[in-house]
């Protein structure tokens, strides 16, 4: 349980959305780093044995919204639905990934299909320079990786991929900062408090003793 009110969580979320729009306008997501706690973690899965994880504000700035987002100029990640849980300080935002590059066959932007989103843990900081402020303590993303690959290939075939995106597509594999084998990941796939079982709903301590009555012919 947290001491957050719905209004406080909504106010934080409005600030997050505004910061995202500014980052997209500038083509630089690094400005979002200040909304994360100093010890925050941020991760997602590329494949069964390739996970991305940044731990700490500096890694989030340099890797998660730095290296990983470089080359996506013109892309926008529009949040289309939001679910909030102020009692546990959680927000789930569902977004669409649109490239800003028009598909000549449809007249629409190349878009990564499938449902994508981010799951956030929002906490009030109690120590350090951020004491008293609400910050993102953890974030986990999900997206449709096969659809991502399909959309990238479609953009490549169209001949419209900018040089920055072509360079970004070369940055892959476990040698990239923040890319880990599952056994080596520095923060769990599930957010730390969830992995620890802090949000498991209580289970009945006893099973019902009564049996349903037998049906007669």
N, C-alpha and C. Protein backbone atom coordinates (compact mmCIF):
# COMPACT_ATOMS: atom_id res chain seq x y z
N UNK A 1 0.84 -1.20 0.00
CA UNK A 1 0.00 0.00 0.00
C UNK A 1 0.87 1.24 0.00
N UNK A 2 0.36 2.31 -0.61
CA UNK A 2 1.10 3.57 -0.64
C UNK A 2 0.23 4.67 -0.07
N UNK A 3 0.86 5.85 0.09
CA UNK A 3 0.11 7.00 0.58
C UNK A 3 -0.35 7.89 -0.57
N UNK A 4 -0.25 7.40 -1.80
CA UNK A 4 -0.61 8.21 -2.96
C UNK A 4 -2.12 8.35 -3.09
N UNK A 5 -2.53 9.53 -3.48
CA UNK A 5 -3.93 9.73 -3.82
C UNK A 5 -4.09 9.59 -5.33
N UNK A 6 -5.31 9.40 -5.76
CA UNK A 6 -5.57 9.30 -7.19
C UNK A 6 -5.16 10.59 -7.90
N UNK A 7 -5.45 11.72 -7.27
CA UNK A 7 -5.12 13.01 -7.88
C UNK A 7 -3.61 13.17 -8.04
N UNK A 8 -2.84 12.72 -7.06
CA UNK A 8 -1.38 12.83 -7.14
C UNK A 8 -0.84 11.95 -8.26
N UNK A 9 -1.39 10.74 -8.38
CA UNK A 9 -0.93 9.83 -9.43
C UNK A 9 -1.31 10.38 -10.81
N UNK A 10 -2.49 10.92 -10.92
CA UNK A 10 -2.92 11.48 -12.20
C UNK A 10 -2.06 12.69 -12.58
N UNK A 11 -1.71 13.51 -11.58
CA UNK A 11 -0.87 14.67 -11.84
C UNK A 11 0.51 14.23 -12.34
N UNK A 12 1.08 13.19 -11.71
CA UNK A 12 2.37 12.67 -12.15
C UNK A 12 2.27 12.15 -13.57
N UNK A 13 1.18 11.44 -13.86
CA UNK A 13 1.00 10.85 -15.19
C UNK A 13 0.86 11.93 -16.25
N UNK A 14 0.15 12.99 -15.93
CA UNK A 14 0.02 14.09 -16.89
C UNK A 14 1.39 14.69 -17.20
N UNK A 15 2.25 14.81 -16.18
CA UNK A 15 3.59 15.31 -16.39
C UNK A 15 4.43 14.38 -17.24
N UNK A 16 4.24 13.06 -17.04
CA UNK A 16 4.96 12.06 -17.82
C UNK A 16 4.56 12.15 -19.30
N UNK A 17 3.28 12.28 -19.57
CA UNK A 17 2.81 12.37 -20.95
C UNK A 17 3.33 13.64 -21.62
N UNK A 18 3.32 14.74 -20.89
CA UNK A 18 3.82 15.99 -21.45
C UNK A 18 5.31 15.89 -21.76
N UNK A 19 6.06 15.25 -20.88
CA UNK A 19 7.49 15.08 -21.09
C UNK A 19 7.76 14.19 -22.31
N UNK A 20 6.93 13.17 -22.49
CA UNK A 20 7.07 12.30 -23.66
C UNK A 20 6.85 13.06 -24.96
N UNK A 21 5.84 13.91 -24.99
CA UNK A 21 5.57 14.69 -26.20
C UNK A 21 6.74 15.62 -26.50
N UNK A 22 7.34 16.20 -25.48
CA UNK A 22 8.48 17.08 -25.69
C UNK A 22 9.69 16.28 -26.18
N UNK A 23 9.90 15.09 -25.62
CA UNK A 23 11.01 14.24 -26.06
C UNK A 23 10.84 13.85 -27.53
N UNK A 24 9.62 13.54 -27.93
CA UNK A 24 9.36 13.19 -29.33
C UNK A 24 9.59 14.40 -30.24
N UNK A 25 9.20 15.58 -29.78
CA UNK A 25 9.40 16.79 -30.58
C UNK A 25 10.88 17.05 -30.81
N UNK A 26 11.68 16.83 -29.76
CA UNK A 26 13.12 17.08 -29.84
C UNK A 26 13.87 15.91 -30.47
N UNK A 27 13.25 14.73 -30.49
CA UNK A 27 13.95 13.55 -30.98
C UNK A 27 14.99 13.05 -30.00
N UNK A 28 14.81 13.36 -28.72
CA UNK A 28 15.77 12.95 -27.69
C UNK A 28 15.00 12.61 -26.43
N UNK A 29 15.02 11.32 -26.06
CA UNK A 29 14.25 10.87 -24.91
C UNK A 29 15.02 10.99 -23.60
N UNK A 30 16.25 11.42 -23.66
CA UNK A 30 17.06 11.46 -22.44
C UNK A 30 16.51 12.40 -21.38
N UNK A 31 15.73 13.38 -21.79
CA UNK A 31 15.19 14.33 -20.82
C UNK A 31 14.22 13.65 -19.84
N UNK A 32 13.73 12.46 -20.21
CA UNK A 32 12.82 11.73 -19.33
C UNK A 32 13.51 11.16 -18.11
N UNK A 33 14.83 11.10 -18.14
CA UNK A 33 15.58 10.43 -17.07
C UNK A 33 15.28 11.01 -15.69
N UNK A 34 15.03 12.30 -15.61
CA UNK A 34 14.81 12.94 -14.30
C UNK A 34 13.51 12.50 -13.64
N UNK A 35 12.65 11.82 -14.39
CA UNK A 35 11.40 11.33 -13.80
C UNK A 35 11.58 9.97 -13.13
N UNK A 36 12.78 9.40 -13.25
CA UNK A 36 13.07 8.11 -12.62
C UNK A 36 13.82 8.29 -11.30
N UNK A 37 13.59 7.37 -10.38
CA UNK A 37 14.34 7.37 -9.12
C UNK A 37 15.81 7.07 -9.39
N UNK A 38 16.66 7.48 -8.49
CA UNK A 38 18.10 7.27 -8.67
C UNK A 38 18.44 5.79 -8.80
N UNK A 39 17.66 4.92 -8.13
CA UNK A 39 17.94 3.48 -8.16
C UNK A 39 16.89 2.71 -8.95
N UNK A 40 16.19 3.38 -9.86
CA UNK A 40 15.13 2.73 -10.63
C UNK A 40 15.68 1.66 -11.56
N UNK A 41 14.81 0.76 -11.97
CA UNK A 41 15.17 -0.25 -12.98
C UNK A 41 14.16 -0.19 -14.11
N UNK A 42 14.64 -0.49 -15.33
CA UNK A 42 13.81 -0.39 -16.52
C UNK A 42 14.23 -1.48 -17.48
N UNK A 43 13.29 -2.35 -17.83
CA UNK A 43 13.66 -3.47 -18.69
C UNK A 43 12.55 -3.95 -19.60
N UNK A 44 12.92 -4.82 -20.55
CA UNK A 44 11.99 -5.49 -21.45
C UNK A 44 12.68 -6.71 -22.03
N UNK A 45 11.93 -7.51 -22.79
CA UNK A 45 12.46 -8.75 -23.35
C UNK A 45 12.54 -8.66 -24.86
N UNK A 46 13.69 -9.02 -25.42
CA UNK A 46 13.84 -9.16 -26.86
C UNK A 46 13.57 -10.59 -27.30
N UNK A 47 14.05 -11.54 -26.52
CA UNK A 47 13.83 -12.95 -26.80
C UNK A 47 13.95 -13.70 -25.49
N UNK A 48 13.75 -15.01 -25.56
CA UNK A 48 13.77 -15.80 -24.33
C UNK A 48 15.07 -15.61 -23.56
N UNK A 49 16.19 -15.49 -24.26
CA UNK A 49 17.47 -15.36 -23.57
C UNK A 49 18.20 -14.06 -23.90
N UNK A 50 17.45 -13.06 -24.33
CA UNK A 50 18.03 -11.73 -24.48
C UNK A 50 17.08 -10.71 -23.87
N UNK A 51 17.50 -10.18 -22.75
CA UNK A 51 16.70 -9.20 -22.02
C UNK A 51 17.47 -7.90 -21.92
N UNK A 52 16.74 -6.81 -21.97
CA UNK A 52 17.36 -5.51 -21.71
C UNK A 52 17.03 -5.11 -20.29
N UNK A 53 18.04 -4.57 -19.58
CA UNK A 53 17.79 -4.05 -18.25
C UNK A 53 18.78 -2.94 -17.94
N UNK A 54 18.23 -1.80 -17.53
CA UNK A 54 19.04 -0.69 -17.04
C UNK A 54 18.71 -0.50 -15.57
N UNK A 55 19.74 -0.33 -14.75
CA UNK A 55 19.55 -0.16 -13.31
C UNK A 55 20.21 1.14 -12.89
N UNK A 56 19.41 2.03 -12.35
CA UNK A 56 19.91 3.34 -11.94
C UNK A 56 19.61 4.40 -12.99
N UNK A 57 19.45 5.62 -12.53
CA UNK A 57 19.06 6.71 -13.42
C UNK A 57 20.07 6.93 -14.54
N UNK A 58 21.35 6.79 -14.25
CA UNK A 58 22.36 7.02 -15.28
C UNK A 58 22.26 6.00 -16.40
N UNK A 59 22.09 4.71 -16.06
CA UNK A 59 21.94 3.70 -17.10
C UNK A 59 20.65 3.88 -17.88
N UNK A 60 19.60 4.29 -17.19
CA UNK A 60 18.35 4.54 -17.90
C UNK A 60 18.53 5.67 -18.90
N UNK A 61 19.21 6.73 -18.49
CA UNK A 61 19.45 7.87 -19.40
C UNK A 61 20.34 7.44 -20.57
N UNK A 62 21.43 6.74 -20.27
CA UNK A 62 22.43 6.44 -21.29
C UNK A 62 22.05 5.25 -22.17
N UNK A 63 21.37 4.25 -21.59
CA UNK A 63 21.08 3.03 -22.32
C UNK A 63 19.63 2.93 -22.77
N UNK A 64 18.69 2.95 -21.79
CA UNK A 64 17.28 2.68 -22.11
C UNK A 64 16.67 3.74 -22.99
N UNK A 65 16.90 5.01 -22.65
CA UNK A 65 16.32 6.10 -23.45
C UNK A 65 17.42 6.85 -24.20
N UNK A 66 18.60 6.23 -24.24
CA UNK A 66 19.73 6.76 -24.99
C UNK A 66 20.02 5.86 -26.17
N UNK A 67 20.90 4.88 -25.98
CA UNK A 67 21.28 3.97 -27.06
C UNK A 67 20.07 3.29 -27.69
N UNK A 68 19.15 2.81 -26.86
CA UNK A 68 18.02 2.04 -27.39
C UNK A 68 17.05 2.89 -28.21
N UNK A 69 17.01 4.19 -27.95
CA UNK A 69 16.07 5.06 -28.65
C UNK A 69 16.72 5.89 -29.74
N UNK A 70 18.03 5.90 -29.80
CA UNK A 70 18.71 6.66 -30.85
C UNK A 70 18.32 6.11 -32.22
N UNK A 71 18.07 7.01 -33.16
CA UNK A 71 17.71 6.60 -34.51
C UNK A 71 16.23 6.57 -34.78
N UNK A 72 15.42 6.75 -33.72
CA UNK A 72 13.97 6.70 -33.90
C UNK A 72 13.37 8.11 -34.00
N UNK A 73 14.09 9.00 -34.65
CA UNK A 73 13.58 10.34 -34.88
C UNK A 73 12.29 10.27 -35.69
N UNK A 74 11.30 11.00 -35.27
CA UNK A 74 10.03 11.00 -35.99
C UNK A 74 9.05 9.93 -35.54
N UNK A 75 9.54 8.94 -34.80
CA UNK A 75 8.64 7.93 -34.26
C UNK A 75 7.86 8.54 -33.10
N UNK A 76 6.63 8.07 -32.90
CA UNK A 76 5.86 8.53 -31.74
C UNK A 76 5.16 7.35 -31.10
N UNK A 77 5.06 7.45 -29.79
CA UNK A 77 4.55 6.36 -28.96
C UNK A 77 3.33 6.88 -28.22
N UNK A 78 2.21 6.84 -28.90
CA UNK A 78 1.00 7.46 -28.39
C UNK A 78 0.30 6.54 -27.38
N UNK A 79 0.13 7.03 -26.16
CA UNK A 79 -0.62 6.27 -25.16
C UNK A 79 -2.10 6.35 -25.52
N UNK A 80 -2.72 5.19 -25.68
CA UNK A 80 -4.12 5.14 -26.11
C UNK A 80 -5.06 4.70 -24.99
N UNK A 81 -4.51 4.19 -23.89
CA UNK A 81 -5.33 3.80 -22.75
C UNK A 81 -4.43 3.71 -21.52
N UNK A 82 -5.02 3.97 -20.36
CA UNK A 82 -4.25 3.97 -19.11
C UNK A 82 -5.07 3.31 -18.01
N UNK A 83 -4.41 2.50 -17.20
CA UNK A 83 -5.04 1.90 -16.02
C UNK A 83 -4.21 2.30 -14.81
N UNK A 84 -4.86 2.83 -13.78
CA UNK A 84 -4.16 3.30 -12.58
C UNK A 84 -4.59 2.53 -11.35
N UNK A 85 -3.64 2.32 -10.46
CA UNK A 85 -3.90 1.67 -9.17
C UNK A 85 -3.17 2.48 -8.11
N UNK A 86 -3.84 3.49 -7.57
CA UNK A 86 -3.17 4.36 -6.60
C UNK A 86 -2.86 3.65 -5.29
N UNK A 87 -3.62 2.61 -4.94
CA UNK A 87 -3.38 1.91 -3.68
C UNK A 87 -2.02 1.21 -3.67
N UNK A 88 -1.55 0.79 -4.86
CA UNK A 88 -0.25 0.13 -4.97
C UNK A 88 0.76 0.96 -5.76
N UNK A 89 0.39 2.17 -6.14
CA UNK A 89 1.31 3.06 -6.85
C UNK A 89 1.70 2.54 -8.22
N UNK A 90 0.75 1.94 -8.94
CA UNK A 90 1.05 1.38 -10.26
C UNK A 90 0.25 2.08 -11.35
N UNK A 91 0.86 2.17 -12.53
CA UNK A 91 0.18 2.65 -13.73
C UNK A 91 0.57 1.73 -14.87
N UNK A 92 -0.41 1.36 -15.67
CA UNK A 92 -0.15 0.62 -16.91
C UNK A 92 -0.62 1.50 -18.06
N UNK A 93 0.29 1.80 -18.96
CA UNK A 93 -0.05 2.60 -20.13
C UNK A 93 0.11 1.78 -21.39
N UNK A 94 -0.91 1.77 -22.22
CA UNK A 94 -0.87 1.04 -23.49
C UNK A 94 -0.59 2.03 -24.61
N UNK A 95 0.42 1.73 -25.43
CA UNK A 95 0.79 2.65 -26.49
C UNK A 95 0.91 1.95 -27.84
N UNK A 96 0.80 2.78 -28.90
CA UNK A 96 1.05 2.32 -30.26
C UNK A 96 2.37 2.92 -30.74
N UNK A 97 3.14 2.13 -31.47
CA UNK A 97 4.41 2.60 -32.02
C UNK A 97 4.22 2.94 -33.50
N UNK A 98 4.28 4.22 -33.81
CA UNK A 98 4.13 4.68 -35.18
C UNK A 98 5.41 5.37 -35.62
N UNK A 99 5.79 5.13 -36.87
CA UNK A 99 7.12 5.52 -37.34
C UNK A 99 7.23 6.92 -37.91
N UNK A 100 6.11 7.53 -38.29
CA UNK A 100 6.17 8.81 -38.98
C UNK A 100 6.56 8.65 -40.45
N UNK A 101 6.76 7.40 -40.90
CA UNK A 101 7.12 7.10 -42.29
C UNK A 101 5.90 6.51 -42.98
N UNK A 102 5.46 7.13 -44.05
CA UNK A 102 4.22 6.72 -44.70
C UNK A 102 4.44 5.49 -45.59
N UNK A 103 3.55 4.55 -45.44
CA UNK A 103 3.51 3.36 -46.31
C UNK A 103 2.74 3.73 -47.57
N UNK A 104 3.42 3.75 -48.71
CA UNK A 104 2.77 4.16 -49.96
C UNK A 104 1.60 3.27 -50.34
N UNK A 105 1.63 2.02 -49.90
CA UNK A 105 0.57 1.08 -50.27
C UNK A 105 -0.74 1.40 -49.55
N UNK A 106 -0.64 1.94 -48.35
CA UNK A 106 -1.85 2.19 -47.55
C UNK A 106 -2.12 3.67 -47.32
N UNK A 107 -1.09 4.50 -47.50
CA UNK A 107 -1.24 5.92 -47.20
C UNK A 107 -1.18 6.22 -45.73
N UNK A 108 -0.89 5.21 -44.92
CA UNK A 108 -0.80 5.38 -43.47
C UNK A 108 0.65 5.18 -43.01
N UNK A 109 0.93 5.60 -41.79
CA UNK A 109 2.27 5.41 -41.23
C UNK A 109 2.57 3.93 -41.04
N UNK A 110 3.83 3.55 -41.25
CA UNK A 110 4.26 2.22 -40.84
C UNK A 110 4.11 2.14 -39.33
N UNK A 111 3.44 1.11 -38.86
CA UNK A 111 3.13 0.96 -37.44
C UNK A 111 3.45 -0.44 -36.98
N UNK A 112 3.98 -0.57 -35.79
CA UNK A 112 4.22 -1.89 -35.21
C UNK A 112 2.90 -2.38 -34.62
N UNK A 113 2.41 -3.49 -35.14
CA UNK A 113 1.12 -4.01 -34.71
C UNK A 113 1.25 -4.78 -33.40
N UNK A 114 0.15 -5.25 -32.90
CA UNK A 114 0.18 -5.92 -31.62
C UNK A 114 0.06 -4.90 -30.50
N UNK A 115 -0.25 -5.38 -29.31
CA UNK A 115 -0.44 -4.49 -28.16
C UNK A 115 0.89 -4.24 -27.47
N UNK A 116 1.23 -2.98 -27.28
CA UNK A 116 2.45 -2.62 -26.57
C UNK A 116 2.12 -1.76 -25.37
N UNK A 117 2.99 -1.75 -24.41
CA UNK A 117 2.71 -0.92 -23.24
C UNK A 117 3.85 -0.90 -22.24
N UNK A 118 3.66 -0.10 -21.21
CA UNK A 118 4.62 0.05 -20.13
C UNK A 118 3.89 -0.08 -18.79
N UNK A 119 4.53 -0.76 -17.87
CA UNK A 119 4.00 -0.98 -16.52
C UNK A 119 4.94 -0.25 -15.56
N UNK A 120 4.40 0.70 -14.81
CA UNK A 120 5.21 1.56 -13.95
C UNK A 120 4.89 1.35 -12.48
N UNK A 121 5.92 1.46 -11.65
CA UNK A 121 5.77 1.57 -10.22
C UNK A 121 6.18 2.98 -9.81
N UNK A 122 5.27 3.74 -9.22
CA UNK A 122 5.51 5.12 -8.83
C UNK A 122 5.65 5.19 -7.32
N UNK A 123 6.75 5.76 -6.84
CA UNK A 123 6.98 5.83 -5.40
C UNK A 123 7.42 7.23 -4.98
N UNK A 124 7.01 7.61 -3.77
CA UNK A 124 7.50 8.86 -3.19
C UNK A 124 8.88 8.59 -2.59
N UNK A 125 9.85 9.39 -2.99
CA UNK A 125 11.21 9.18 -2.52
C UNK A 125 11.36 9.69 -1.08
N UNK A 126 12.12 8.96 -0.29
CA UNK A 126 12.24 9.29 1.14
C UNK A 126 13.63 9.80 1.52
N UNK A 127 14.60 9.64 0.63
CA UNK A 127 15.96 10.08 0.95
C UNK A 127 16.58 10.78 -0.25
N UNK A 128 17.72 11.41 -0.02
CA UNK A 128 18.48 12.02 -1.10
C UNK A 128 17.87 13.31 -1.61
N UNK A 129 18.40 13.76 -2.74
CA UNK A 129 17.97 15.04 -3.31
C UNK A 129 16.52 15.01 -3.78
N UNK A 130 15.96 13.80 -4.04
CA UNK A 130 14.59 13.69 -4.53
C UNK A 130 13.58 13.42 -3.43
N UNK A 131 13.98 13.52 -2.17
CA UNK A 131 13.09 13.22 -1.05
C UNK A 131 11.80 14.03 -1.16
N UNK A 132 10.68 13.32 -1.03
CA UNK A 132 9.37 13.95 -1.10
C UNK A 132 8.76 13.96 -2.48
N UNK A 133 9.56 13.68 -3.51
CA UNK A 133 9.05 13.73 -4.88
C UNK A 133 8.58 12.35 -5.35
N UNK A 134 7.62 12.35 -6.26
CA UNK A 134 7.20 11.10 -6.88
C UNK A 134 8.12 10.81 -8.06
N UNK A 135 8.61 9.57 -8.13
CA UNK A 135 9.50 9.15 -9.20
C UNK A 135 9.12 7.74 -9.64
N UNK A 136 9.53 7.37 -10.84
CA UNK A 136 9.33 6.01 -11.33
C UNK A 136 10.37 5.11 -10.68
N UNK A 137 9.92 4.14 -9.90
CA UNK A 137 10.83 3.22 -9.21
C UNK A 137 11.21 2.04 -10.10
N UNK A 138 10.29 1.65 -10.97
CA UNK A 138 10.58 0.58 -11.93
C UNK A 138 9.63 0.70 -13.12
N UNK A 139 10.09 0.19 -14.24
CA UNK A 139 9.28 0.17 -15.46
C UNK A 139 9.60 -1.09 -16.23
N UNK A 140 8.57 -1.73 -16.72
CA UNK A 140 8.72 -2.90 -17.57
C UNK A 140 7.86 -2.70 -18.81
N UNK A 141 8.46 -2.88 -19.99
CA UNK A 141 7.76 -2.72 -21.26
C UNK A 141 7.48 -4.07 -21.89
N UNK A 142 6.48 -4.11 -22.76
CA UNK A 142 6.26 -5.27 -23.61
C UNK A 142 5.79 -4.80 -24.97
N UNK A 143 6.13 -5.58 -25.99
CA UNK A 143 5.73 -5.26 -27.35
C UNK A 143 5.83 -6.53 -28.19
N UNK A 144 5.26 -6.47 -29.37
CA UNK A 144 5.23 -7.64 -30.24
C UNK A 144 6.51 -7.66 -31.08
N UNK A 145 7.48 -8.50 -30.70
CA UNK A 145 8.77 -8.51 -31.38
C UNK A 145 8.67 -8.99 -32.83
N UNK A 146 7.92 -10.05 -33.15
CA UNK A 146 7.80 -10.44 -34.56
C UNK A 146 7.21 -9.32 -35.42
N UNK A 147 6.22 -8.61 -34.88
CA UNK A 147 5.64 -7.50 -35.63
C UNK A 147 6.65 -6.37 -35.80
N UNK A 148 7.47 -6.15 -34.79
CA UNK A 148 8.51 -5.12 -34.88
C UNK A 148 9.46 -5.44 -36.03
N UNK A 149 9.92 -6.69 -36.10
CA UNK A 149 10.83 -7.10 -37.17
C UNK A 149 10.16 -6.94 -38.53
N UNK A 150 8.88 -7.31 -38.62
CA UNK A 150 8.15 -7.20 -39.88
C UNK A 150 8.07 -5.74 -40.34
N UNK A 151 7.76 -4.84 -39.41
CA UNK A 151 7.64 -3.42 -39.76
C UNK A 151 8.98 -2.84 -40.17
N UNK A 152 10.04 -3.20 -39.46
CA UNK A 152 11.38 -2.72 -39.84
C UNK A 152 11.73 -3.18 -41.26
N UNK A 153 11.43 -4.43 -41.57
CA UNK A 153 11.73 -4.94 -42.91
C UNK A 153 10.91 -4.21 -43.98
N UNK A 154 9.66 -3.90 -43.66
CA UNK A 154 8.81 -3.18 -44.60
C UNK A 154 9.37 -1.78 -44.87
N UNK A 155 9.88 -1.13 -43.82
CA UNK A 155 10.46 0.20 -43.98
C UNK A 155 11.74 0.12 -44.82
N UNK A 156 12.54 -0.91 -44.55
CA UNK A 156 13.76 -1.10 -45.34
C UNK A 156 13.44 -1.31 -46.82
N UNK A 157 12.47 -2.16 -47.09
CA UNK A 157 12.11 -2.45 -48.47
C UNK A 157 11.55 -1.22 -49.18
N UNK A 158 10.94 -0.31 -48.42
CA UNK A 158 10.36 0.88 -49.03
C UNK A 158 11.43 1.87 -49.47
N UNK A 159 12.64 1.71 -48.96
CA UNK A 159 13.70 2.65 -49.28
C UNK A 159 13.59 3.97 -48.54
N UNK A 160 12.69 4.04 -47.56
CA UNK A 160 12.46 5.29 -46.84
C UNK A 160 13.15 5.35 -45.48
N UNK A 161 13.87 4.31 -45.12
CA UNK A 161 14.53 4.32 -43.81
C UNK A 161 15.64 5.36 -43.78
N UNK A 162 15.59 6.32 -42.86
CA UNK A 162 16.67 7.32 -42.76
C UNK A 162 17.96 6.66 -42.28
N UNK A 163 19.07 7.33 -42.53
CA UNK A 163 20.37 6.78 -42.15
C UNK A 163 20.45 6.51 -40.65
N UNK A 164 19.80 7.37 -39.86
CA UNK A 164 19.85 7.19 -38.40
C UNK A 164 19.18 5.88 -38.00
N UNK A 165 18.08 5.53 -38.65
CA UNK A 165 17.40 4.27 -38.34
C UNK A 165 18.21 3.09 -38.83
N UNK A 166 18.85 3.21 -40.00
CA UNK A 166 19.69 2.13 -40.51
C UNK A 166 20.83 1.84 -39.55
N UNK A 167 21.42 2.90 -38.99
CA UNK A 167 22.51 2.71 -38.02
C UNK A 167 21.99 2.05 -36.75
N UNK A 168 20.79 2.45 -36.31
CA UNK A 168 20.21 1.87 -35.09
C UNK A 168 19.96 0.38 -35.28
N UNK A 169 19.54 -0.04 -36.46
CA UNK A 169 19.24 -1.44 -36.70
C UNK A 169 20.48 -2.33 -36.60
N UNK A 170 21.66 -1.72 -36.69
CA UNK A 170 22.90 -2.49 -36.57
C UNK A 170 23.28 -2.75 -35.12
N UNK A 171 22.63 -2.03 -34.19
CA UNK A 171 22.98 -2.13 -32.77
C UNK A 171 22.12 -3.22 -32.14
N UNK A 172 22.61 -4.44 -32.17
CA UNK A 172 21.85 -5.59 -31.67
C UNK A 172 22.78 -6.57 -30.96
N UNK A 173 22.17 -7.46 -30.20
CA UNK A 173 22.92 -8.55 -29.59
C UNK A 173 23.40 -8.29 -28.19
N UNK A 174 23.96 -9.33 -27.59
CA UNK A 174 24.38 -9.27 -26.20
C UNK A 174 25.56 -8.34 -25.94
N UNK A 175 26.23 -7.90 -26.99
CA UNK A 175 27.35 -6.99 -26.80
C UNK A 175 26.94 -5.55 -26.56
N UNK A 176 25.66 -5.25 -26.74
CA UNK A 176 25.16 -3.89 -26.54
C UNK A 176 24.94 -3.66 -25.05
N UNK A 177 25.34 -2.50 -24.52
CA UNK A 177 25.13 -2.23 -23.09
C UNK A 177 23.67 -2.43 -22.67
N UNK A 178 23.49 -3.18 -21.59
CA UNK A 178 22.15 -3.42 -21.07
C UNK A 178 21.50 -4.68 -21.59
N UNK A 179 22.11 -5.37 -22.55
CA UNK A 179 21.56 -6.61 -23.08
C UNK A 179 22.17 -7.78 -22.32
N UNK A 180 21.32 -8.61 -21.72
CA UNK A 180 21.78 -9.69 -20.85
C UNK A 180 21.16 -11.03 -21.23
N UNK A 181 21.89 -12.09 -20.94
CA UNK A 181 21.28 -13.41 -20.89
C UNK A 181 20.39 -13.44 -19.66
N UNK A 182 19.34 -14.24 -19.71
CA UNK A 182 18.39 -14.27 -18.60
C UNK A 182 19.09 -14.56 -17.27
N UNK A 183 20.06 -15.46 -17.27
CA UNK A 183 20.73 -15.83 -16.03
C UNK A 183 21.53 -14.68 -15.43
N UNK A 184 21.86 -13.68 -16.23
CA UNK A 184 22.73 -12.59 -15.77
C UNK A 184 21.99 -11.28 -15.54
N UNK A 185 20.69 -11.25 -15.75
CA UNK A 185 19.94 -10.01 -15.66
C UNK A 185 20.05 -9.42 -14.25
N UNK A 186 20.37 -8.11 -14.12
CA UNK A 186 20.63 -7.54 -12.79
C UNK A 186 19.40 -7.16 -12.00
N UNK A 187 18.24 -7.16 -12.62
CA UNK A 187 16.98 -6.93 -11.92
C UNK A 187 15.98 -7.89 -12.53
N UNK A 188 15.05 -8.43 -11.76
CA UNK A 188 14.18 -9.49 -12.30
C UNK A 188 13.27 -9.01 -13.42
N UNK A 189 12.85 -9.98 -14.27
CA UNK A 189 11.93 -9.69 -15.36
C UNK A 189 10.66 -9.04 -14.81
N UNK A 190 10.07 -9.68 -13.80
CA UNK A 190 8.96 -9.06 -13.10
C UNK A 190 9.53 -7.99 -12.17
N UNK A 191 8.86 -6.85 -11.99
CA UNK A 191 9.39 -5.80 -11.12
C UNK A 191 9.72 -6.35 -9.73
N UNK A 192 10.76 -5.83 -9.08
CA UNK A 192 11.21 -6.37 -7.79
C UNK A 192 10.12 -6.62 -6.76
N UNK A 193 9.21 -5.67 -6.48
CA UNK A 193 8.19 -5.96 -5.46
C UNK A 193 7.20 -7.03 -5.90
N UNK A 194 6.97 -7.15 -7.20
CA UNK A 194 6.07 -8.18 -7.69
C UNK A 194 6.75 -9.54 -7.62
N UNK A 195 8.03 -9.57 -8.02
CA UNK A 195 8.80 -10.82 -7.93
C UNK A 195 8.88 -11.30 -6.49
N UNK A 196 8.92 -10.35 -5.55
CA UNK A 196 9.01 -10.71 -4.13
C UNK A 196 7.68 -11.19 -3.56
N UNK A 197 6.62 -11.12 -4.36
CA UNK A 197 5.32 -11.61 -3.91
C UNK A 197 4.51 -10.62 -3.11
N UNK A 198 4.88 -9.34 -3.16
CA UNK A 198 4.18 -8.35 -2.33
C UNK A 198 2.78 -8.04 -2.83
N UNK A 199 2.48 -8.44 -4.06
CA UNK A 199 1.17 -8.12 -4.61
C UNK A 199 0.33 -9.35 -4.91
N UNK A 200 0.74 -10.50 -4.35
CA UNK A 200 -0.05 -11.72 -4.52
C UNK A 200 -1.34 -11.59 -3.73
N UNK A 201 -2.44 -11.86 -4.37
CA UNK A 201 -3.72 -11.79 -3.65
C UNK A 201 -3.80 -12.94 -2.65
N UNK A 202 -4.32 -12.69 -1.45
CA UNK A 202 -4.41 -13.75 -0.44
C UNK A 202 -5.21 -14.93 -0.96
N UNK A 203 -4.73 -16.12 -0.64
CA UNK A 203 -5.44 -17.33 -1.02
C UNK A 203 -6.24 -17.85 0.18
N UNK A 204 -7.34 -18.55 -0.06
CA UNK A 204 -8.09 -19.12 1.07
C UNK A 204 -7.20 -20.04 1.90
N UNK A 205 -7.33 -19.94 3.22
CA UNK A 205 -6.51 -20.78 4.10
C UNK A 205 -7.06 -22.19 4.22
N UNK A 206 -8.34 -22.35 3.95
CA UNK A 206 -8.94 -23.69 4.00
C UNK A 206 -9.81 -23.89 2.78
N UNK A 207 -9.99 -25.12 2.42
CA UNK A 207 -10.85 -25.45 1.30
C UNK A 207 -12.26 -25.74 1.81
N UNK A 208 -13.28 -25.45 1.02
CA UNK A 208 -14.65 -25.76 1.46
C UNK A 208 -14.78 -27.24 1.78
N UNK A 209 -15.49 -27.50 2.87
CA UNK A 209 -15.65 -28.90 3.30
C UNK A 209 -16.92 -29.52 2.76
N UNK A 210 -17.85 -28.70 2.33
CA UNK A 210 -19.10 -29.26 1.83
C UNK A 210 -18.94 -29.70 0.39
N UNK A 211 -19.56 -30.78 0.07
CA UNK A 211 -19.52 -31.33 -1.28
C UNK A 211 -20.86 -31.08 -1.96
N UNK A 212 -20.86 -30.87 -3.26
CA UNK A 212 -22.15 -30.68 -3.94
C UNK A 212 -23.02 -31.93 -3.81
N UNK A 213 -24.30 -31.71 -3.67
CA UNK A 213 -25.22 -32.85 -3.52
C UNK A 213 -25.23 -33.70 -4.78
N UNK A 214 -25.33 -35.02 -4.58
CA UNK A 214 -25.37 -35.91 -5.72
C UNK A 214 -26.72 -35.77 -6.42
N UNK A 215 -26.64 -35.81 -7.73
CA UNK A 215 -27.87 -35.70 -8.52
C UNK A 215 -28.49 -37.09 -8.63
N UNK A 216 -29.80 -37.13 -8.48
CA UNK A 216 -30.50 -38.41 -8.61
C UNK A 216 -31.04 -38.54 -10.01
N UNK A 217 -31.14 -39.75 -10.48
CA UNK A 217 -31.64 -39.97 -11.84
C UNK A 217 -33.05 -39.41 -12.00
